[in-house]
Every structure is written in C-alpha cells, then in structure tokens.
Amino acid sequence: MQQTDAADALGIAHMRKFCVAVPRELAVIMHAMWTDGTVYVGDPSAGARELRTRVLAKQRKLLGAHA
C-alpha cells in the first residue's frame, strides 16, 4: 500500500511541474512571436492571400493611429 501512495505522490508532483512548464513555454513562444511580428496561420491550406490579410491586420493593430 505504501508503494502506491509514494507513486501517486510522485505522479502528482510531476503533474504539477508539467502544468506549470507547458504554459510557461507557450508564454515564451507567444512573446517571441509578438515581439518579432510573426503571424500564425493555423490552417495549413491557407493561401498566401489569407496570410497577407492577417499580416496587414496585425500591422494595423500594432501601429494603431500611425497606420
């Protein structure tokens, strides 16, 4: 019985680390995309026209009144 309790405790400890590490890594990636202006298009079938539309929309959003 004690072995399963120890294993459960270890599993919970690893899960907590995982639940912190994944969002932290996503935050780092998203911040890097935000600072360098990378645009993510999740649809692999999206064409160049849609990509250009998204890039222009992001530029307008970032530039605000200066666009």
Protein backbone atom coordinates (compact mmCIF):
# COMPACT_ATOMS: atom_id res chain seq x y z
CA MET A 1 0.00 0.00 0.00
CA GLN A 2 2.81 2.42 0.77
CA GLN A 3 4.43 1.94 -2.63
CA THR A 4 1.30 3.05 -4.46
CA ASP A 5 0.97 6.10 -2.19
CA ALA A 6 4.56 7.07 -2.96
CA ALA A 7 4.00 6.52 -6.66
CA ASP A 8 0.82 8.60 -6.55
CA ALA A 9 2.64 11.40 -4.74
CA LEU A 10 5.44 11.31 -7.28
CA GLY A 11 2.94 11.35 -10.14
CA ILE A 12 1.14 14.34 -8.65
CA ALA A 13 4.45 16.19 -8.21
CA HIS A 14 5.34 15.57 -11.86
CA MET A 15 1.88 16.67 -12.99
CA ARG A 16 2.21 19.94 -11.09
CA LYS A 17 5.57 20.64 -12.73
CA PHE A 18 4.09 19.80 -16.12
CA CYS A 19 1.08 22.07 -15.52
CA VAL A 20 3.48 24.96 -14.88
CA ALA A 21 6.11 24.17 -17.52
CA VAL A 22 3.78 23.92 -20.52
CA PRO A 23 2.04 27.30 -20.05
CA ARG A 24 5.40 28.91 -19.32
CA GLU A 25 6.86 27.55 -22.57
CA LEU A 26 3.80 28.70 -24.52
CA ALA A 27 4.17 32.16 -22.98
CA VAL A 28 7.79 32.32 -24.13
CA ILE A 29 6.85 31.27 -27.66
CA MET A 30 3.91 33.68 -27.85
CA HIS A 31 6.03 36.57 -26.55
CA ALA A 32 8.70 35.86 -29.15
CA MET A 33 6.05 35.82 -31.89
CA TRP A 34 4.59 39.08 -30.58
CA THR A 35 7.94 40.89 -30.44
CA ASP A 36 9.15 39.88 -33.90
CA GLY A 37 5.74 40.17 -35.58
CA THR A 38 5.37 36.52 -36.57
CA VAL A 39 1.86 35.66 -37.73
CA TYR A 40 0.47 32.21 -37.04
CA VAL A 41 -1.97 30.78 -39.55
CA GLY A 42 -3.26 27.52 -38.09
CA ASP A 43 -4.84 26.26 -41.31
CA PRO A 44 -2.21 24.52 -43.47
CA SER A 45 -4.39 25.03 -46.56
CA ALA A 46 -4.43 28.82 -46.07
CA GLY A 47 -3.01 30.56 -49.07
CA ALA A 48 -0.67 33.49 -49.44
CA ARG A 49 -3.62 35.86 -49.78
CA GLU A 50 -5.01 34.93 -46.36
CA LEU A 51 -1.55 35.19 -44.81
CA ARG A 52 -1.10 38.65 -46.30
CA THR A 53 -4.52 39.69 -44.99
CA ARG A 54 -3.57 38.57 -41.49
CA VAL A 55 -0.19 40.29 -41.64
CA LEU A 56 -1.79 43.57 -42.71
CA ALA A 57 -4.41 43.28 -39.96
CA LYS A 58 -1.68 42.70 -37.38
CA GLN A 59 0.31 45.68 -38.66
CA ARG A 60 -2.76 47.91 -38.43
CA LYS A 61 -3.40 46.70 -34.90
CA LEU A 62 0.20 47.25 -33.80
CA LEU A 63 0.55 50.64 -35.45
CA GLY A 64 -2.82 51.90 -34.29
CA ALA A 65 -3.26 55.54 -35.30
CA HIS A 66 0.05 55.58 -37.15
CA ALA A 67 -1.12 53.30 -39.96
